Amino acid sequence: MTIKKPSRSNENQPKQVDIERVINAGSPPPIENEIDDTPKEVRFQMAIPEQLCNLIDDARKLTKTSRRAWLLTAAQEKLQREGRL
């Protein structure tokens, strides 16, 4: 016994209009001339002594901030005191 796959008729084929609608339904492409004012972040790893880390953790618990936020604030305050920011 031979099983034949039913042939496709043109009725089941998507129309070009429908294909274009699906393609164009996504987000528009980014505009190259658009100004991006968000500052770029630089990622790096940092190793600090355990005792210093413990002191930072004790200090940041008072403000309930993350290490990252605490270190960024500390760096900004230091640069402001030095007049560099």
Protein backbone atom coordinates (compact mmCIF):
# COMPACT_ATOMS: atom_id res chain seq x y z
CA MET A 1 0.00 0.00 0.00
CA THR A 2 1.42 3.33 -1.04
CA ILE A 3 0.67 6.47 0.96
CA LYS A 4 0.69 9.66 -1.03
CA LYS A 5 1.15 13.06 0.48
CA PRO A 6 -1.73 15.34 -0.47
CA SER A 7 -0.68 17.98 -2.95
CA ARG A 8 -0.81 21.61 -1.96
CA SER A 9 -3.14 23.81 -3.84
CA ASN A 10 -2.65 27.51 -4.35
CA GLU A 11 -5.49 28.16 -1.93
CA ASN A 12 -3.30 27.22 1.06
CA GLN A 13 -0.33 29.34 -0.04
CA PRO A 14 0.07 32.66 1.79
CA LYS A 15 -0.47 35.75 -0.29
CA GLN A 16 2.32 38.28 -0.77
CA VAL A 17 0.28 40.90 1.11
CA ASP A 18 0.08 38.61 4.13
CA ILE A 19 3.82 37.90 3.97
CA GLU A 20 4.64 41.63 3.87
CA ARG A 21 2.29 42.28 6.81
CA VAL A 22 4.11 39.70 8.95
CA ILE A 23 7.54 41.02 7.96
CA ASN A 24 6.60 44.63 8.69
CA ALA A 25 4.88 43.84 12.00
CA GLY A 26 8.18 43.90 13.95
CA SER A 27 9.97 46.87 15.42
CA PRO A 28 11.25 49.46 12.99
CA PRO A 29 14.98 49.33 12.29
CA PRO A 30 17.13 51.69 14.38
CA ILE A 31 17.79 55.10 12.91
CA GLU A 32 21.53 55.58 12.45
CA ASN A 33 21.42 59.36 12.89
CA GLU A 34 19.60 59.05 16.20
CA ILE A 35 21.62 60.55 19.07
CA ASP A 36 22.17 58.17 21.97
CA ASP A 37 22.72 60.20 25.15
CA THR A 38 22.95 57.20 27.46
CA PRO A 39 26.44 56.82 28.86
CA LYS A 40 28.31 53.70 27.86
CA GLU A 41 29.31 51.32 30.63
CA VAL A 42 32.73 49.72 30.89
CA ARG A 43 32.71 46.31 32.50
CA PHE A 44 35.69 44.87 34.33
CA GLN A 45 36.47 42.53 37.17
CA MET A 46 37.97 43.81 40.38
CA ALA A 47 39.56 41.93 43.25
CA ILE A 48 39.76 43.58 46.66
CA PRO A 49 41.07 42.31 49.97
CA GLU A 50 38.53 40.45 52.08
CA GLN A 51 38.88 42.85 55.01
CA LEU A 52 38.11 45.85 52.77
CA CYS A 53 35.12 44.00 51.31
CA ASN A 54 33.80 43.35 54.82
CA LEU A 55 34.16 47.05 55.71
CA ILE A 56 32.31 48.04 52.52
CA ASP A 57 29.55 45.51 53.25
CA ASP A 58 29.15 46.88 56.79
CA ALA A 59 28.94 50.46 55.49
CA ARG A 60 26.47 49.71 52.72
CA LYS A 61 24.10 47.79 54.99
CA LEU A 62 23.13 51.11 56.55
CA THR A 63 21.85 52.40 53.21
CA LYS A 64 20.69 49.00 51.89
CA THR A 65 22.47 49.47 48.57
CA SER A 66 24.32 46.98 46.40
CA ARG A 67 28.10 46.84 46.35
CA ARG A 68 28.07 48.23 42.83
CA ALA A 69 25.91 51.22 43.77
CA TRP A 70 27.92 51.86 46.92
CA LEU A 71 31.25 51.75 45.06
CA LEU A 72 29.94 54.04 42.29
CA THR A 73 28.72 56.56 44.86
CA ALA A 74 32.03 56.42 46.73
CA ALA A 75 34.00 56.97 43.51
CA GLN A 76 31.78 59.92 42.51
CA GLU A 77 32.14 61.53 45.95
CA LYS A 78 35.94 61.14 45.80
CA LEU A 79 36.12 62.69 42.31
CA GLN A 80 33.87 65.58 43.37
CA ARG A 81 36.09 66.30 46.39
CA GLU A 82 39.12 66.37 44.07
CA GLY A 83 37.29 68.69 41.66
CA ARG A 84 37.49 66.25 38.78
CA LEU A 85 33.77 65.71 38.40
